[in-house]
């Protein structure tokens, strides 16, 4: 199933992330794609809130992975922007997190697409600059 949503502000993108996370189950994987500055991290912050995470959430660009406990499920937040070879993901135990008891959200998932399992929810965020800098088209493929 493919659904498209449009957001008109960072707050709406955040809220969409929160809504989606509230339906997440243990073992769920979300592959998040979009250009630099499209709102992936804002979405991830809302997603964390939807899981009940109280900590501040930032993209783990330099560490690749940040684990958040304390919500209804553990939250495994990957940012693979700096990955040069998808095999590097196994150095942080990627496969173990995919099969873990939490929820994985992977920013820049297109860089490790061959590692994303079938059944992952794919979310693409795009800016519509013809209509302003705040308009986002968000495509969700389940």
C-alpha atoms as a PDB file:
ATOM      1  CA  UNK A   1       0.000   0.000   0.000  1.00  0.00           C
ATOM      2  CA  UNK A   2       1.302   3.450  -0.901  1.00  0.00           C
ATOM      3  CA  UNK A   3       0.032   6.598   0.767  1.00  0.00           C
ATOM      4  CA  UNK A   4       1.024  10.194   0.141  1.00  0.00           C
ATOM      5  CA  UNK A   5       0.787  12.970   2.684  1.00  0.00           C
ATOM      6  CA  UNK A   6       1.659  16.610   2.423  1.00  0.00           C
ATOM      7  CA  UNK A   7       2.999  18.666   5.298  1.00  0.00           C
ATOM      8  CA  UNK A   8       3.227  22.449   5.388  1.00  0.00           C
ATOM      9  CA  UNK A   9       5.608  22.982   8.302  1.00  0.00           C
ATOM     10  CA  UNK A  10       8.257  21.291  10.396  1.00  0.00           C
ATOM     11  CA  UNK A  11       5.606  20.852  13.093  1.00  0.00           C
ATOM     12  CA  UNK A  12       3.384  18.883  10.710  1.00  0.00           C
ATOM     13  CA  UNK A  13       6.310  16.699   9.589  1.00  0.00           C
ATOM     14  CA  UNK A  14       7.113  16.049  13.261  1.00  0.00           C
ATOM     15  CA  UNK A  15       3.483  15.168  13.946  1.00  0.00           C
ATOM     16  CA  UNK A  16       3.370  12.704  11.047  1.00  0.00           C
ATOM     17  CA  UNK A  17       6.452  10.962  12.454  1.00  0.00           C
ATOM     18  CA  UNK A  18       4.748  10.809  15.852  1.00  0.00           C
ATOM     19  CA  UNK A  19       1.558   9.325  14.356  1.00  0.00           C
ATOM     20  CA  UNK A  20       3.418   6.635  12.435  1.00  0.00           C
ATOM     21  CA  UNK A  21       5.485   5.601  15.470  1.00  0.00           C
ATOM     22  CA  UNK A  22       2.379   5.116  17.577  1.00  0.00           C
ATOM     23  CA  UNK A  23       1.463   2.194  15.282  1.00  0.00           C
ATOM     24  CA  UNK A  24       4.961   0.664  15.352  1.00  0.00           C
ATOM     25  CA  UNK A  25       5.507  -2.824  16.685  1.00  0.00           C
ATOM     26  CA  UNK A  26       8.642  -4.609  17.862  1.00  0.00           C
ATOM     27  CA  UNK A  27      10.725  -5.547  14.844  1.00  0.00           C
ATOM     28  CA  UNK A  28       9.343  -2.772  12.640  1.00  0.00           C
ATOM     29  CA  UNK A  29      11.812  -1.193  10.223  1.00  0.00           C
ATOM     30  CA  UNK A  30      11.371   2.249   8.672  1.00  0.00           C
ATOM     31  CA  UNK A  31      13.623   3.224   5.757  1.00  0.00           C
ATOM     32  CA  UNK A  32      13.668   7.014   5.480  1.00  0.00           C
ATOM     33  CA  UNK A  33      14.927   8.721   2.323  1.00  0.00           C
ATOM     34  CA  UNK A  34      15.150  12.285   1.074  1.00  0.00           C
ATOM     35  CA  UNK A  35      17.627  14.954   0.125  1.00  0.00           C
ATOM     36  CA  UNK A  36      19.601  17.009   2.627  1.00  0.00           C
ATOM     37  CA  UNK A  37      17.317  19.408   4.471  1.00  0.00           C
ATOM     38  CA  UNK A  38      14.021  17.731   3.620  1.00  0.00           C
ATOM     39  CA  UNK A  39      13.056  17.050   7.237  1.00  0.00           C
ATOM     40  CA  UNK A  40      14.236  13.512   7.938  1.00  0.00           C
ATOM     41  CA  UNK A  41      15.574  14.426  11.374  1.00  0.00           C
ATOM     42  CA  UNK A  42      12.422  16.366  12.276  1.00  0.00           C
ATOM     43  CA  UNK A  43      10.408  13.304  11.260  1.00  0.00           C
ATOM     44  CA  UNK A  44      12.709  11.106  13.397  1.00  0.00           C
ATOM     45  CA  UNK A  45      12.235  13.410  16.392  1.00  0.00           C
ATOM     46  CA  UNK A  46       8.460  13.124  16.086  1.00  0.00           C
ATOM     47  CA  UNK A  47       8.820   9.386  15.625  1.00  0.00           C
ATOM     48  CA  UNK A  48      10.775   9.150  18.881  1.00  0.00           C
ATOM     49  CA  UNK A  49       8.085  11.091  20.719  1.00  0.00           C
ATOM     50  CA  UNK A  50       5.474   8.726  19.295  1.00  0.00           C
ATOM     51  CA  UNK A  51       7.395   5.862  20.908  1.00  0.00           C
ATOM     52  CA  UNK A  52       7.415   7.722  24.221  1.00  0.00           C
ATOM     53  CA  UNK A  53      11.109   8.690  24.114  1.00  0.00           C
ATOM     54  CA  UNK A  54      11.755  11.713  26.338  1.00  0.00           C
ATOM     55  CA  UNK A  55      15.406  12.286  25.353  1.00  0.00           C
ATOM     56  CA  UNK A  56      16.506  14.858  22.793  1.00  0.00           C
ATOM     57  CA  UNK A  57      16.913  13.129  19.430  1.00  0.00           C
ATOM     58  CA  UNK A  58      19.501  14.233  16.901  1.00  0.00           C
ATOM     59  CA  UNK A  59      20.826  12.472  13.834  1.00  0.00           C
ATOM     60  CA  UNK A  60      23.691  10.170  14.795  1.00  0.00           C
ATOM     61  CA  UNK A  61      25.616  11.169  11.654  1.00  0.00           C
ATOM     62  CA  UNK A  62      29.064  10.603  13.151  1.00  0.00           C
ATOM     63  CA  UNK A  63      28.170   7.578  15.264  1.00  0.00           C
ATOM     64  CA  UNK A  64      25.818   5.908  12.740  1.00  0.00           C
ATOM     65  CA  UNK A  65      23.549   4.587  15.498  1.00  0.00           C
ATOM     66  CA  UNK A  66      21.873   5.990  18.572  1.00  0.00           C
ATOM     67  CA  UNK A  67      19.854   3.687  20.819  1.00  0.00           C
ATOM     68  CA  UNK A  68      17.036   5.150  22.902  1.00  0.00           C
ATOM     69  CA  UNK A  69      15.416   3.147  25.660  1.00  0.00           C
ATOM     70  CA  UNK A  70      12.661   4.339  27.922  1.00  0.00           C
ATOM     71  CA  UNK A  71       9.802   4.399  25.441  1.00  0.00           C
ATOM     72  CA  UNK A  72       7.216   1.728  24.757  1.00  0.00           C
ATOM     73  CA  UNK A  73       9.850   0.044  22.552  1.00  0.00           C
ATOM     74  CA  UNK A  74      13.601   0.512  22.139  1.00  0.00           C
ATOM     75  CA  UNK A  75      14.327   2.949  19.303  1.00  0.00           C
ATOM     76  CA  UNK A  76      17.303   2.218  17.044  1.00  0.00           C
ATOM     77  CA  UNK A  77      18.008   5.397  15.105  1.00  0.00           C
ATOM     78  CA  UNK A  78      20.477   4.995  12.254  1.00  0.00           C
ATOM     79  CA  UNK A  79      21.915   7.796  10.127  1.00  0.00           C
ATOM     80  CA  UNK A  80      23.981   6.246   7.362  1.00  0.00           C
ATOM     81  CA  UNK A  81      24.895   9.474   5.527  1.00  0.00           C
ATOM     82  CA  UNK A  82      28.613   8.872   6.073  1.00  0.00           C
ATOM     83  CA  UNK A  83      28.592   5.186   5.114  1.00  0.00           C
ATOM     84  CA  UNK A  84      30.876   4.550   2.143  1.00  0.00           C
ATOM     85  CA  UNK A  85      30.249   0.827   1.851  1.00  0.00           C
ATOM     86  CA  UNK A  86      27.031  -0.859   3.040  1.00  0.00           C
ATOM     87  CA  UNK A  87      29.156  -3.616   4.632  1.00  0.00           C
ATOM     88  CA  UNK A  88      30.219  -1.039   7.273  1.00  0.00           C
ATOM     89  CA  UNK A  89      26.743  -1.436   8.762  1.00  0.00           C
ATOM     90  CA  UNK A  90      27.646  -4.849  10.108  1.00  0.00           C
ATOM     91  CA  UNK A  91      30.406  -3.267  12.220  1.00  0.00           C
ATOM     92  CA  UNK A  92      27.695  -1.613  14.349  1.00  0.00           C
ATOM     93  CA  UNK A  93      25.615  -4.794  14.545  1.00  0.00           C
ATOM     94  CA  UNK A  94      23.008  -3.667  12.014  1.00  0.00           C
ATOM     95  CA  UNK A  95      21.627  -7.156  11.458  1.00  0.00           C
ATOM     96  CA  UNK A  96      21.176  -7.688  15.207  1.00  0.00           C
ATOM     97  CA  UNK A  97      19.146  -4.478  15.523  1.00  0.00           C
ATOM     98  CA  UNK A  98      16.984  -5.424  12.542  1.00  0.00           C
ATOM     99  CA  UNK A  99      16.081  -8.616  14.352  1.00  0.00           C
ATOM    100  CA  UNK A 100      15.876  -6.945  17.760  1.00  0.00           C
ATOM    101  CA  UNK A 101      12.949  -6.213  20.010  1.00  0.00           C
ATOM    102  CA  UNK A 102      12.787  -2.528  19.117  1.00  0.00           C
ATOM    103  CA  UNK A 103      12.020  -0.306  16.150  1.00  0.00           C
ATOM    104  CA  UNK A 104      14.618   0.691  13.536  1.00  0.00           C
ATOM    105  CA  UNK A 105      14.477   3.994  11.706  1.00  0.00           C
ATOM    106  CA  UNK A 106      17.180   4.432   9.079  1.00  0.00           C
ATOM    107  CA  UNK A 107      17.899   7.901   7.692  1.00  0.00           C
ATOM    108  CA  UNK A 108      19.528   7.957   4.244  1.00  0.00           C
ATOM    109  CA  UNK A 109      18.324   4.382   3.725  1.00  0.00           C
ATOM    110  CA  UNK A 110      18.940   4.610  -0.018  1.00  0.00           C
ATOM    111  CA  UNK A 111      22.674   4.338   0.730  1.00  0.00           C
ATOM    112  CA  UNK A 112      22.212   0.841   2.162  1.00  0.00           C
ATOM    113  CA  UNK A 113      19.154  -0.171   0.165  1.00  0.00           C
ATOM    114  CA  UNK A 114      20.438  -3.687  -0.520  1.00  0.00           C
ATOM    115  CA  UNK A 115      20.491  -4.317   3.246  1.00  0.00           C
ATOM    116  CA  UNK A 116      16.928  -3.169   3.917  1.00  0.00           C
ATOM    117  CA  UNK A 117      14.732  -6.240   4.376  1.00  0.00           C
ATOM    118  CA  UNK A 118      11.556  -6.852   2.462  1.00  0.00           C
ATOM    119  CA  UNK A 119       8.633  -5.697   4.538  1.00  0.00           C
ATOM    120  CA  UNK A 120      10.296  -2.495   5.734  1.00  0.00           C
ATOM    121  CA  UNK A 121       8.137   0.604   5.595  1.00  0.00           C
ATOM    122  CA  UNK A 122       9.703   2.982   3.088  1.00  0.00           C
ATOM    123  CA  UNK A 123       9.187   6.694   3.639  1.00  0.00           C
ATOM    124  CA  UNK A 124      10.366   9.270   1.123  1.00  0.00           C
ATOM    125  CA  UNK A 125      10.358  12.967   1.991  1.00  0.00           C
ATOM    126  CA  UNK A 126      10.561  15.487  -0.835  1.00  0.00           C
ATOM    127  CA  UNK A 127      10.426  19.283  -0.847  1.00  0.00           C
ATOM    128  CA  UNK A 128       8.124  20.999  -3.296  1.00  0.00           C
ATOM    129  CA  UNK A 129      10.133  24.171  -3.889  1.00  0.00           C
ATOM    130  CA  UNK A 130       7.646  25.367  -6.500  1.00  0.00           C
ATOM    131  CA  UNK A 131       5.218  25.942  -3.620  1.00  0.00           C
ATOM    132  CA  UNK A 132       7.630  27.212  -0.950  1.00  0.00           C
ATOM    133  CA  UNK A 133      10.359  25.915   1.322  1.00  0.00           C
ATOM    134  CA  UNK A 134       8.043  24.337   3.909  1.00  0.00           C
ATOM    135  CA  UNK A 135       5.931  22.074   1.696  1.00  0.00           C
ATOM    136  CA  UNK A 136       6.856  18.380   1.932  1.00  0.00           C
ATOM    137  CA  UNK A 137       5.447  15.470  -0.017  1.00  0.00           C
ATOM    138  CA  UNK A 138       5.814  12.344   2.079  1.00  0.00           C
ATOM    139  CA  UNK A 139       5.279   8.998   0.393  1.00  0.00           C
ATOM    140  CA  UNK A 140       4.764   6.006   2.677  1.00  0.00           C
ATOM    141  CA  UNK A 141       5.056   2.546   1.169  1.00  0.00           C
ATOM    142  CA  UNK A 142       4.021  -0.323   3.406  1.00  0.00           C
END
